[in-house]
Amino acid sequence: MATPTPHPEFIADEFIKLYYSKFNANERAELQVIYRPESTVSFEQGKHVGISQIMAFFVQEFPFTKIRHHILTRDVQISQGGGLFILVTGIVQTDEDAPKLFSQSFYLVSDSGSFYVLNEAFRFFYGWPTPEERLY
């Protein structure tokens, strides 16, 4: 009898719990197992490609000492090939700064019964942009 495939919402929830618990506990080095050489992470204006660049950023170059995420929403969609697109929104407290809204997206790729992060993008929301700050 074949093992049933977990529901996408269950996979997304478990991934989110793992990711943010490691991030908030300053155990970001342990997240190395969820990335592959072809993975890309965008954080604000910076882009990091491959495990070594991503881990160097998370462990050595990350701009905050303390961080705490409070998740408000998560959406998950099934994509081609069994991948999952996850969008997370929430509030993040960094160091002693005022809390900020954030949005983070993940594209998880299925690989031999598990998932890895192919694409990840993070953005803070600083407030309503001026016309000059708007992209479009």
N, C-alpha and C. Protein backbone atom coordinates (compact mmCIF):
# COMPACT_ATOMS: atom_id res chain seq x y z
N MET A 1 0.85 -1.17 0.00
CA MET A 1 0.00 0.00 0.00
C MET A 1 0.90 1.24 0.00
N ALA A 2 0.61 2.16 -0.88
CA ALA A 2 1.40 3.38 -1.01
C ALA A 2 1.13 4.33 0.16
N THR A 3 2.17 5.03 0.55
CA THR A 3 2.03 6.04 1.60
C THR A 3 1.29 7.24 1.04
N PRO A 4 0.27 7.72 1.73
CA PRO A 4 -0.48 8.88 1.22
C PRO A 4 0.41 10.13 1.19
N THR A 5 0.19 10.95 0.19
CA THR A 5 0.93 12.21 0.05
C THR A 5 0.35 13.22 1.02
N PRO A 6 1.21 13.90 1.81
CA PRO A 6 0.69 14.91 2.74
C PRO A 6 0.01 16.05 1.97
N HIS A 7 -0.97 16.65 2.59
CA HIS A 7 -1.71 17.76 2.00
C HIS A 7 -0.77 18.97 1.88
N PRO A 8 -0.88 19.76 0.80
CA PRO A 8 0.00 20.93 0.62
C PRO A 8 -0.02 21.90 1.80
N GLU A 9 -1.17 22.12 2.42
CA GLU A 9 -1.23 23.02 3.57
C GLU A 9 -0.43 22.47 4.74
N PHE A 10 -0.46 21.16 4.92
CA PHE A 10 0.32 20.54 5.99
C PHE A 10 1.81 20.73 5.73
N ILE A 11 2.25 20.49 4.49
CA ILE A 11 3.66 20.67 4.13
C ILE A 11 4.07 22.11 4.36
N ALA A 12 3.26 23.06 3.90
CA ALA A 12 3.57 24.48 4.07
C ALA A 12 3.66 24.85 5.54
N ASP A 13 2.72 24.39 6.35
CA ASP A 13 2.73 24.72 7.77
C ASP A 13 3.97 24.15 8.46
N GLU A 14 4.33 22.92 8.15
CA GLU A 14 5.52 22.31 8.75
C GLU A 14 6.79 23.03 8.30
N PHE A 15 6.85 23.39 7.03
CA PHE A 15 7.99 24.14 6.53
C PHE A 15 8.11 25.49 7.24
N ILE A 16 7.01 26.21 7.35
CA ILE A 16 7.01 27.53 8.00
C ILE A 16 7.45 27.41 9.45
N LYS A 17 6.95 26.42 10.17
CA LYS A 17 7.35 26.22 11.56
C LYS A 17 8.85 25.98 11.66
N LEU A 18 9.38 25.10 10.82
CA LEU A 18 10.81 24.79 10.83
C LEU A 18 11.63 26.04 10.49
N TYR A 19 11.30 26.69 9.40
CA TYR A 19 12.08 27.81 8.90
C TYR A 19 12.15 28.94 9.94
N TYR A 20 11.00 29.39 10.41
CA TYR A 20 10.99 30.54 11.31
C TYR A 20 11.47 30.19 12.71
N SER A 21 11.30 28.95 13.16
CA SER A 21 11.84 28.59 14.48
C SER A 21 13.37 28.62 14.44
N LYS A 22 13.97 28.13 13.37
CA LYS A 22 15.44 28.18 13.23
C LYS A 22 15.92 29.61 13.06
N PHE A 23 15.20 30.38 12.27
CA PHE A 23 15.59 31.77 12.03
C PHE A 23 15.52 32.57 13.33
N ASN A 24 14.43 32.44 14.06
CA ASN A 24 14.23 33.22 15.28
C ASN A 24 15.18 32.80 16.40
N ALA A 25 15.61 31.55 16.41
CA ALA A 25 16.52 31.05 17.44
C ALA A 25 17.99 31.27 17.08
N ASN A 26 18.24 32.02 16.00
CA ASN A 26 19.59 32.27 15.51
C ASN A 26 20.31 30.95 15.19
N GLU A 27 19.56 30.00 14.66
CA GLU A 27 20.10 28.72 14.22
C GLU A 27 20.01 28.62 12.70
N ARG A 28 20.29 29.74 12.03
CA ARG A 28 20.14 29.81 10.58
C ARG A 28 21.05 28.85 9.84
N ALA A 29 22.20 28.51 10.41
CA ALA A 29 23.12 27.56 9.75
C ALA A 29 22.45 26.21 9.54
N GLU A 30 21.52 25.85 10.41
CA GLU A 30 20.82 24.56 10.29
C GLU A 30 19.86 24.54 9.11
N LEU A 31 19.57 25.70 8.52
CA LEU A 31 18.69 25.75 7.35
C LEU A 31 19.40 25.33 6.07
N GLN A 32 20.69 25.09 6.14
CA GLN A 32 21.46 24.70 4.95
C GLN A 32 20.84 23.52 4.21
N VAL A 33 20.23 22.61 4.93
CA VAL A 33 19.68 21.39 4.33
C VAL A 33 18.47 21.66 3.42
N ILE A 34 17.88 22.85 3.51
CA ILE A 34 16.70 23.12 2.68
C ILE A 34 17.05 23.83 1.37
N TYR A 35 18.34 24.06 1.12
CA TYR A 35 18.78 24.72 -0.10
C TYR A 35 19.62 23.78 -0.96
N ARG A 36 19.72 24.10 -2.24
CA ARG A 36 20.53 23.35 -3.20
C ARG A 36 21.43 24.34 -3.95
N PRO A 37 22.39 23.84 -4.72
CA PRO A 37 23.28 24.75 -5.46
C PRO A 37 22.53 25.72 -6.39
N GLU A 38 21.36 25.35 -6.86
CA GLU A 38 20.60 26.20 -7.77
C GLU A 38 19.61 27.13 -7.04
N SER A 39 19.58 27.10 -5.72
CA SER A 39 18.66 27.94 -4.94
C SER A 39 19.07 29.40 -5.00
N THR A 40 18.06 30.28 -4.96
CA THR A 40 18.28 31.73 -4.94
C THR A 40 17.45 32.35 -3.82
N VAL A 41 18.09 33.23 -3.03
CA VAL A 41 17.41 33.97 -1.97
C VAL A 41 17.60 35.46 -2.25
N SER A 42 16.48 36.18 -2.29
CA SER A 42 16.52 37.64 -2.40
C SER A 42 16.06 38.21 -1.06
N PHE A 43 16.87 39.12 -0.51
CA PHE A 43 16.53 39.79 0.74
C PHE A 43 16.66 41.28 0.49
N GLU A 44 15.51 41.97 0.47
CA GLU A 44 15.50 43.38 0.11
C GLU A 44 16.19 43.54 -1.24
N GLN A 45 17.28 44.27 -1.32
CA GLN A 45 17.94 44.53 -2.61
C GLN A 45 18.98 43.48 -2.98
N GLY A 46 19.35 42.60 -2.06
CA GLY A 46 20.43 41.65 -2.32
C GLY A 46 19.94 40.31 -2.83
N LYS A 47 20.77 39.68 -3.66
CA LYS A 47 20.47 38.35 -4.19
C LYS A 47 21.63 37.43 -3.87
N HIS A 48 21.30 36.22 -3.40
CA HIS A 48 22.31 35.23 -3.00
C HIS A 48 21.96 33.92 -3.69
N VAL A 49 22.92 33.39 -4.44
CA VAL A 49 22.69 32.20 -5.25
C VAL A 49 23.60 31.07 -4.78
N GLY A 50 23.01 29.91 -4.56
CA GLY A 50 23.77 28.74 -4.13
C GLY A 50 23.90 28.65 -2.62
N ILE A 51 24.14 27.44 -2.16
CA ILE A 51 24.19 27.18 -0.71
C ILE A 51 25.24 28.04 -0.02
N SER A 52 26.44 28.14 -0.58
CA SER A 52 27.51 28.86 0.11
C SER A 52 27.20 30.35 0.24
N GLN A 53 26.66 30.97 -0.81
CA GLN A 53 26.30 32.40 -0.71
C GLN A 53 25.15 32.62 0.26
N ILE A 54 24.15 31.75 0.19
CA ILE A 54 22.98 31.89 1.07
C ILE A 54 23.41 31.74 2.53
N MET A 55 24.19 30.73 2.83
CA MET A 55 24.62 30.50 4.21
C MET A 55 25.56 31.61 4.69
N ALA A 56 26.44 32.10 3.82
CA ALA A 56 27.32 33.21 4.21
C ALA A 56 26.48 34.42 4.59
N PHE A 57 25.44 34.70 3.82
CA PHE A 57 24.56 35.82 4.14
C PHE A 57 23.83 35.58 5.45
N PHE A 58 23.19 34.43 5.60
CA PHE A 58 22.40 34.15 6.80
C PHE A 58 23.25 34.11 8.07
N VAL A 59 24.45 33.55 7.98
CA VAL A 59 25.25 33.29 9.18
C VAL A 59 26.24 34.42 9.47
N GLN A 60 26.87 34.98 8.45
CA GLN A 60 27.94 35.95 8.68
C GLN A 60 27.55 37.38 8.36
N GLU A 61 26.69 37.59 7.38
CA GLU A 61 26.41 38.94 6.89
C GLU A 61 25.03 39.47 7.25
N PHE A 62 24.21 38.66 7.90
CA PHE A 62 22.84 39.07 8.16
C PHE A 62 22.84 40.37 8.98
N PRO A 63 22.03 41.36 8.59
CA PRO A 63 22.15 42.69 9.19
C PRO A 63 21.56 42.85 10.59
N PHE A 64 21.01 41.79 11.17
CA PHE A 64 20.38 41.90 12.48
C PHE A 64 20.94 40.84 13.43
N THR A 65 21.06 41.20 14.70
CA THR A 65 21.51 40.25 15.71
C THR A 65 20.34 39.43 16.24
N LYS A 66 19.25 40.13 16.57
CA LYS A 66 18.05 39.47 17.09
C LYS A 66 16.93 39.66 16.08
N ILE A 67 16.13 38.61 15.92
CA ILE A 67 15.00 38.70 15.00
C ILE A 67 13.87 37.82 15.53
N ARG A 68 12.66 38.32 15.37
CA ARG A 68 11.47 37.56 15.81
C ARG A 68 10.36 37.80 14.80
N HIS A 69 9.92 36.73 14.15
CA HIS A 69 8.82 36.80 13.19
C HIS A 69 7.51 36.43 13.87
N HIS A 70 6.46 37.15 13.54
CA HIS A 70 5.10 36.82 13.96
C HIS A 70 4.30 36.65 12.66
N ILE A 71 3.91 35.43 12.39
CA ILE A 71 3.24 35.12 11.13
C ILE A 71 1.76 35.50 11.24
N LEU A 72 1.30 36.26 10.24
CA LEU A 72 -0.11 36.66 10.20
C LEU A 72 -0.91 35.82 9.20
N THR A 73 -0.34 35.61 8.01
CA THR A 73 -1.04 34.83 6.99
C THR A 73 -0.05 33.94 6.25
N ARG A 74 -0.59 32.90 5.65
CA ARG A 74 0.18 32.08 4.72
C ARG A 74 -0.78 31.55 3.68
N ASP A 75 -0.32 31.58 2.45
CA ASP A 75 -1.07 31.02 1.33
C ASP A 75 -0.18 29.99 0.66
N VAL A 76 -0.77 28.94 0.16
CA VAL A 76 0.01 27.91 -0.52
C VAL A 76 -0.73 27.49 -1.79
N GLN A 77 0.03 27.30 -2.84
CA GLN A 77 -0.52 26.83 -4.12
C GLN A 77 0.37 25.71 -4.64
N ILE A 78 -0.27 24.70 -5.23
CA ILE A 78 0.47 23.63 -5.89
C ILE A 78 0.90 24.14 -7.26
N SER A 79 2.13 23.82 -7.64
CA SER A 79 2.66 24.24 -8.92
C SER A 79 3.01 23.02 -9.76
N GLN A 80 3.49 23.27 -10.97
CA GLN A 80 3.87 22.16 -11.86
C GLN A 80 4.93 21.29 -11.21
N GLY A 81 4.87 20.02 -11.51
CA GLY A 81 5.86 19.09 -11.00
C GLY A 81 5.77 18.81 -9.51
N GLY A 82 4.65 19.20 -8.89
CA GLY A 82 4.48 18.94 -7.46
C GLY A 82 5.14 19.97 -6.57
N GLY A 83 5.63 21.07 -7.14
CA GLY A 83 6.21 22.14 -6.33
C GLY A 83 5.13 22.90 -5.58
N LEU A 84 5.57 23.69 -4.61
CA LEU A 84 4.65 24.50 -3.81
C LEU A 84 5.12 25.94 -3.79
N PHE A 85 4.19 26.86 -4.02
CA PHE A 85 4.45 28.28 -3.86
C PHE A 85 3.82 28.68 -2.54
N ILE A 86 4.61 29.29 -1.64
CA ILE A 86 4.13 29.71 -0.33
C ILE A 86 4.37 31.20 -0.17
N LEU A 87 3.34 31.92 0.24
CA LEU A 87 3.46 33.34 0.53
C LEU A 87 3.13 33.55 2.01
N VAL A 88 4.04 34.21 2.72
CA VAL A 88 3.89 34.46 4.15
C VAL A 88 3.90 35.97 4.37
N THR A 89 2.99 36.46 5.20
CA THR A 89 3.03 37.85 5.63
C THR A 89 3.03 37.88 7.15
N GLY A 90 3.60 38.95 7.70
CA GLY A 90 3.65 39.03 9.14
C GLY A 90 4.30 40.30 9.63
N ILE A 91 4.65 40.26 10.90
CA ILE A 91 5.33 41.35 11.58
C ILE A 91 6.67 40.80 12.05
N VAL A 92 7.73 41.59 11.85
CA VAL A 92 9.05 41.16 12.28
C VAL A 92 9.66 42.23 13.18
N GLN A 93 10.27 41.76 14.26
CA GLN A 93 10.99 42.64 15.20
C GLN A 93 12.46 42.32 15.04
N THR A 94 13.27 43.32 14.70
CA THR A 94 14.71 43.13 14.52
C THR A 94 15.45 43.99 15.52
N ASP A 95 16.40 43.37 16.22
CA ASP A 95 17.18 44.04 17.25
C ASP A 95 16.24 44.84 18.15
N GLU A 96 16.49 46.12 18.32
CA GLU A 96 15.62 46.97 19.16
C GLU A 96 14.78 47.90 18.29
N ASP A 97 14.68 47.59 17.00
CA ASP A 97 13.93 48.42 16.06
C ASP A 97 12.42 48.26 16.28
N ALA A 98 11.67 49.22 15.75
CA ALA A 98 10.21 49.12 15.78
C ALA A 98 9.77 47.95 14.90
N PRO A 99 8.71 47.26 15.26
CA PRO A 99 8.21 46.17 14.42
C PRO A 99 7.87 46.67 13.02
N LYS A 100 8.09 45.81 12.02
CA LYS A 100 7.80 46.13 10.63
C LYS A 100 6.98 45.01 10.01
N LEU A 101 6.14 45.38 9.06
CA LEU A 101 5.44 44.36 8.27
C LEU A 101 6.41 43.76 7.27
N PHE A 102 6.20 42.49 6.94
CA PHE A 102 7.02 41.84 5.93
C PHE A 102 6.20 40.89 5.08
N SER A 103 6.77 40.58 3.93
CA SER A 103 6.23 39.57 3.03
C SER A 103 7.39 38.69 2.61
N GLN A 104 7.15 37.38 2.58
CA GLN A 104 8.20 36.44 2.17
C GLN A 104 7.56 35.34 1.35
N SER A 105 8.18 35.02 0.23
CA SER A 105 7.66 33.95 -0.62
C SER A 105 8.71 32.88 -0.78
N PHE A 106 8.24 31.66 -0.94
CA PHE A 106 9.10 30.49 -1.13
C PHE A 106 8.53 29.66 -2.28
N TYR A 107 9.41 29.16 -3.11
CA TYR A 107 9.00 28.16 -4.09
C TYR A 107 9.75 26.89 -3.72
N LEU A 108 8.99 25.88 -3.26
CA LEU A 108 9.56 24.61 -2.85
C LEU A 108 9.44 23.61 -3.98
N VAL A 109 10.53 22.91 -4.25
CA VAL A 109 10.56 21.90 -5.30
C VAL A 109 10.58 20.52 -4.65
N SER A 110 9.77 19.62 -5.18
CA SER A 110 9.72 18.25 -4.70
C SER A 110 10.93 17.48 -5.24
N ASP A 111 11.60 16.75 -4.33
CA ASP A 111 12.79 15.99 -4.70
C ASP A 111 12.85 14.70 -3.90
N SER A 112 12.51 13.60 -4.51
CA SER A 112 12.60 12.28 -3.88
C SER A 112 11.86 12.22 -2.54
N GLY A 113 10.66 12.73 -2.51
CA GLY A 113 9.84 12.62 -1.31
C GLY A 113 10.02 13.74 -0.31
N SER A 114 10.92 14.68 -0.57
CA SER A 114 11.07 15.83 0.32
C SER A 114 11.05 17.09 -0.54
N PHE A 115 11.25 18.23 0.09
CA PHE A 115 11.21 19.50 -0.62
C PHE A 115 12.46 20.31 -0.31
N TYR A 116 12.86 21.15 -1.25
CA TYR A 116 13.91 22.12 -1.00
C TYR A 116 13.47 23.47 -1.56
N VAL A 117 14.11 24.54 -1.07
CA VAL A 117 13.79 25.89 -1.51
C VAL A 117 14.56 26.19 -2.78
N LEU A 118 13.84 26.40 -3.87
CA LEU A 118 14.47 26.82 -5.12
C LEU A 118 14.56 28.35 -5.15
N ASN A 119 13.47 29.01 -4.77
CA ASN A 119 13.42 30.47 -4.78
C ASN A 119 12.81 30.98 -3.48
N GLU A 120 13.37 32.08 -2.99
CA GLU A 120 12.89 32.71 -1.76
C GLU A 120 13.09 34.22 -1.92
N ALA A 121 12.09 35.00 -1.54
CA ALA A 121 12.20 36.46 -1.61
C ALA A 121 11.58 37.07 -0.36
N PHE A 122 12.29 38.05 0.22
CA PHE A 122 11.85 38.71 1.45
C PHE A 122 11.82 40.21 1.22
N ARG A 123 10.76 40.87 1.72
CA ARG A 123 10.64 42.33 1.66
C ARG A 123 10.00 42.86 2.93
N PHE A 124 10.55 43.97 3.44
CA PHE A 124 9.91 44.75 4.49
C PHE A 124 8.91 45.69 3.85
N PHE A 125 7.88 46.06 4.61
CA PHE A 125 6.97 47.14 4.21
C PHE A 125 7.22 48.29 5.17
N TYR A 126 7.67 49.40 4.63
CA TYR A 126 8.04 50.55 5.45
C TYR A 126 6.94 51.59 5.56
N GLY A 127 5.86 51.44 4.88
CA GLY A 127 4.79 52.42 4.87
C GLY A 127 4.41 52.75 3.44
N TRP A 128 3.55 53.71 3.30
CA TRP A 128 3.05 54.08 1.98
C TRP A 128 4.16 54.80 1.21
N PRO A 129 4.52 54.32 0.01
CA PRO A 129 5.62 54.95 -0.73
C PRO A 129 5.22 56.28 -1.36
N THR A 130 6.21 57.12 -1.51
CA THR A 130 5.99 58.37 -2.23
C THR A 130 5.94 58.04 -3.73
N PRO A 131 5.41 58.93 -4.55
CA PRO A 131 5.38 58.65 -6.00
C PRO A 131 6.77 58.34 -6.56
N GLU A 132 7.82 58.97 -6.02
CA GLU A 132 9.17 58.73 -6.50
C GLU A 132 9.67 57.32 -6.15
N GLU A 133 9.16 56.74 -5.09
CA GLU A 133 9.61 55.43 -4.63
C GLU A 133 8.87 54.28 -5.33
N ARG A 134 7.79 54.59 -5.99
CA ARG A 134 6.98 53.55 -6.62
C ARG A 134 7.66 53.02 -7.87
N LEU A 135 7.63 51.71 -8.03
CA LEU A 135 8.22 51.09 -9.21
C LEU A 135 7.37 51.36 -10.45
N TYR A 136 6.05 51.28 -10.28
CA TYR A 136 5.13 51.52 -11.40
C TYR A 136 4.05 52.49 -10.98
